[in-house]
Amino acid sequence: MKKVRRILRELGITANYTGYYQIIWAVELACQDSEFLAQMIKKIYCHVAERSCSSWKAVERNIRTVVTKAWENNPDLLRRLVGEELYRPPTNSVFLSLLTEIAMERD
């Protein structure tokens, strides 16, 4: 998860955002089973909500907040990571998929 944490820092996202740890946990889940990304609410948000003692809606909102902040802080890096032109922040699922791919890359 070092790569994911580094990317989040480069995007201006630190542990003071509730969604920071929720994203880390979501990526950990997706790394264990990539099918989780296909069922965001049921598999990712609900599991992360349970771990963070919140609701799946709060997890979705917290992650969306982080994605929006990342876009405001460093849209060029997000564009490079996604590999295509973006005109608005990526969706939560695109963002988590991207971070999962990064986390699973071999050095």
C-alpha atoms as a PDB file:
ATOM      1  CA  MET A   1       0.000   0.000   0.000  1.00  0.00           C
ATOM      2  CA  LYS A   2       3.039   2.273   0.024  1.00  0.00           C
ATOM      3  CA  LYS A   3       2.452   3.225  -3.613  1.00  0.00           C
ATOM      4  CA  VAL A   4      -1.178   4.093  -2.920  1.00  0.00           C
ATOM      5  CA  ARG A   5      -0.263   6.230   0.077  1.00  0.00           C
ATOM      6  CA  ARG A   6       2.412   8.005  -1.997  1.00  0.00           C
ATOM      7  CA  ILE A   7      -0.068   8.724  -4.813  1.00  0.00           C
ATOM      8  CA  LEU A   8      -2.633  10.021  -2.328  1.00  0.00           C
ATOM      9  CA  ARG A   9       0.001  12.354  -0.826  1.00  0.00           C
ATOM     10  CA  GLU A  10       0.927  13.589  -4.308  1.00  0.00           C
ATOM     11  CA  LEU A  11      -2.764  14.329  -4.838  1.00  0.00           C
ATOM     12  CA  GLY A  12      -2.801  16.354  -1.616  1.00  0.00           C
ATOM     13  CA  ILE A  13      -4.745  13.735   0.346  1.00  0.00           C
ATOM     14  CA  THR A  14      -3.553  13.030   3.861  1.00  0.00           C
ATOM     15  CA  ALA A  15      -4.814  11.076   6.849  1.00  0.00           C
ATOM     16  CA  ASN A  16      -6.807  14.054   8.106  1.00  0.00           C
ATOM     17  CA  TYR A  17      -9.524  13.054   5.605  1.00  0.00           C
ATOM     18  CA  THR A  18     -11.805  10.276   6.863  1.00  0.00           C
ATOM     19  CA  GLY A  19     -11.882   8.928   3.325  1.00  0.00           C
ATOM     20  CA  TYR A  20      -8.099   8.447   3.328  1.00  0.00           C
ATOM     21  CA  TYR A  21      -8.182   5.261   5.386  1.00  0.00           C
ATOM     22  CA  GLN A  22     -11.428   4.170   3.798  1.00  0.00           C
ATOM     23  CA  ILE A  23      -9.729   4.307   0.392  1.00  0.00           C
ATOM     24  CA  ILE A  24      -6.767   2.314   1.703  1.00  0.00           C
ATOM     25  CA  TRP A  25      -9.143  -0.354   3.071  1.00  0.00           C
ATOM     26  CA  ALA A  26     -11.161  -0.386  -0.164  1.00  0.00           C
ATOM     27  CA  VAL A  27      -8.012  -0.911  -2.229  1.00  0.00           C
ATOM     28  CA  GLU A  28      -6.897  -3.696   0.110  1.00  0.00           C
ATOM     29  CA  LEU A  29     -10.246  -5.436  -0.430  1.00  0.00           C
ATOM     30  CA  ALA A  30     -10.060  -4.993  -4.195  1.00  0.00           C
ATOM     31  CA  CYS A  31      -6.503  -6.364  -4.248  1.00  0.00           C
ATOM     32  CA  GLN A  32      -7.730  -9.490  -2.497  1.00  0.00           C
ATOM     33  CA  ASP A  33     -10.603  -9.950  -4.935  1.00  0.00           C
ATOM     34  CA  SER A  34     -10.955  -7.757  -8.026  1.00  0.00           C
ATOM     35  CA  GLU A  35     -14.648  -8.744  -8.300  1.00  0.00           C
ATOM     36  CA  PHE A  36     -15.268  -6.378  -5.390  1.00  0.00           C
ATOM     37  CA  LEU A  37     -14.862  -3.454  -7.778  1.00  0.00           C
ATOM     38  CA  ALA A  38     -17.846  -4.680  -9.801  1.00  0.00           C
ATOM     39  CA  GLN A  39     -20.110  -4.450  -6.754  1.00  0.00           C
ATOM     40  CA  MET A  40     -19.032  -1.238  -5.081  1.00  0.00           C
ATOM     41  CA  ILE A  41     -21.937  -0.803  -2.657  1.00  0.00           C
ATOM     42  CA  LYS A  42     -22.402  -4.395  -1.599  1.00  0.00           C
ATOM     43  CA  LYS A  43     -18.765  -5.445  -1.492  1.00  0.00           C
ATOM     44  CA  ILE A  44     -16.596  -2.382  -0.960  1.00  0.00           C
ATOM     45  CA  TYR A  45     -18.686   0.285   0.729  1.00  0.00           C
ATOM     46  CA  CYS A  46     -20.438  -2.124   3.102  1.00  0.00           C
ATOM     47  CA  HIS A  47     -17.217  -3.843   4.171  1.00  0.00           C
ATOM     48  CA  VAL A  48     -15.400  -0.555   4.667  1.00  0.00           C
ATOM     49  CA  ALA A  49     -18.409   0.886   6.522  1.00  0.00           C
ATOM     50  CA  GLU A  50     -18.384  -2.045   8.899  1.00  0.00           C
ATOM     51  CA  ARG A  51     -14.683  -1.586   9.585  1.00  0.00           C
ATOM     52  CA  SER A  52     -15.041   2.149  10.114  1.00  0.00           C
ATOM     53  CA  CYS A  53     -18.292   1.911  12.126  1.00  0.00           C
ATOM     54  CA  SER A  54     -20.270   4.016   9.670  1.00  0.00           C
ATOM     55  CA  SER A  55     -22.826   3.578   6.919  1.00  0.00           C
ATOM     56  CA  TRP A  56     -22.080   2.667   3.320  1.00  0.00           C
ATOM     57  CA  LYS A  57     -23.485   6.046   2.295  1.00  0.00           C
ATOM     58  CA  ALA A  58     -20.962   7.821   4.525  1.00  0.00           C
ATOM     59  CA  VAL A  59     -18.137   5.761   3.009  1.00  0.00           C
ATOM     60  CA  GLU A  60     -19.297   6.631  -0.513  1.00  0.00           C
ATOM     61  CA  ARG A  61     -19.487  10.325   0.400  1.00  0.00           C
ATOM     62  CA  ASN A  62     -16.077  10.318   2.132  1.00  0.00           C
ATOM     63  CA  ILE A  63     -14.408   8.696  -0.858  1.00  0.00           C
ATOM     64  CA  ARG A  64     -16.168  11.106  -3.238  1.00  0.00           C
ATOM     65  CA  THR A  65     -14.904  14.011  -1.109  1.00  0.00           C
ATOM     66  CA  VAL A  66     -11.337  12.717  -1.377  1.00  0.00           C
ATOM     67  CA  VAL A  67     -11.647  12.255  -5.153  1.00  0.00           C
ATOM     68  CA  THR A  68     -12.977  15.805  -5.508  1.00  0.00           C
ATOM     69  CA  LYS A  69     -10.154  17.184  -3.356  1.00  0.00           C
ATOM     70  CA  ALA A  70      -7.586  15.218  -5.363  1.00  0.00           C
ATOM     71  CA  TRP A  71      -9.034  16.765  -8.528  1.00  0.00           C
ATOM     72  CA  GLU A  72      -8.842  20.259  -7.057  1.00  0.00           C
ATOM     73  CA  ASN A  73      -5.281  19.730  -5.800  1.00  0.00           C
ATOM     74  CA  ASN A  74      -3.656  17.976  -8.764  1.00  0.00           C
ATOM     75  CA  PRO A  75      -5.864  17.359 -11.810  1.00  0.00           C
ATOM     76  CA  ASP A  76      -2.839  16.889 -14.073  1.00  0.00           C
ATOM     77  CA  LEU A  77      -1.589  13.940 -12.033  1.00  0.00           C
ATOM     78  CA  LEU A  78      -5.049  12.383 -12.091  1.00  0.00           C
ATOM     79  CA  ARG A  79      -5.171  12.770 -15.872  1.00  0.00           C
ATOM     80  CA  ARG A  80      -1.750  11.123 -16.220  1.00  0.00           C
ATOM     81  CA  LEU A  81      -2.727   8.261 -13.914  1.00  0.00           C
ATOM     82  CA  VAL A  82      -5.998   7.611 -15.723  1.00  0.00           C
ATOM     83  CA  GLY A  83      -4.256   7.936 -19.076  1.00  0.00           C
ATOM     84  CA  GLU A  84      -6.903   9.990 -20.785  1.00  0.00           C
ATOM     85  CA  GLU A  85      -8.313  13.478 -20.800  1.00  0.00           C
ATOM     86  CA  LEU A  86     -10.587  14.219 -17.859  1.00  0.00           C
ATOM     87  CA  TYR A  87     -12.876  17.220 -17.666  1.00  0.00           C
ATOM     88  CA  ARG A  88     -14.185  16.500 -14.190  1.00  0.00           C
ATOM     89  CA  PRO A  89     -13.179  14.317 -11.252  1.00  0.00           C
ATOM     90  CA  PRO A  90     -13.239  10.588 -11.932  1.00  0.00           C
ATOM     91  CA  THR A  91     -15.960   8.492 -10.330  1.00  0.00           C
ATOM     92  CA  ASN A  92     -15.243   6.632  -7.127  1.00  0.00           C
ATOM     93  CA  SER A  93     -15.108   3.340  -8.992  1.00  0.00           C
ATOM     94  CA  VAL A  94     -12.611   4.658 -11.570  1.00  0.00           C
ATOM     95  CA  PHE A  95     -10.469   6.145  -8.801  1.00  0.00           C
ATOM     96  CA  LEU A  96     -10.484   2.940  -6.738  1.00  0.00           C
ATOM     97  CA  SER A  97      -9.808   0.810  -9.821  1.00  0.00           C
ATOM     98  CA  LEU A  98      -6.845   2.998 -10.685  1.00  0.00           C
ATOM     99  CA  LEU A  99      -5.404   2.795  -7.165  1.00  0.00           C
ATOM    100  CA  THR A 100      -5.953  -0.960  -7.103  1.00  0.00           C
ATOM    101  CA  GLU A 101      -3.999  -1.336 -10.345  1.00  0.00           C
ATOM    102  CA  ILE A 102      -1.185   0.764  -8.886  1.00  0.00           C
ATOM    103  CA  ALA A 103      -1.175  -1.259  -5.669  1.00  0.00           C
ATOM    104  CA  MET A 104      -0.928  -4.519  -7.594  1.00  0.00           C
ATOM    105  CA  GLU A 105       1.923  -3.405  -9.878  1.00  0.00           C
ATOM    106  CA  ARG A 106       5.269  -5.047  -9.292  1.00  0.00           C
ATOM    107  CA  ASP A 107       8.224  -2.721  -8.799  1.00  0.00           C
END
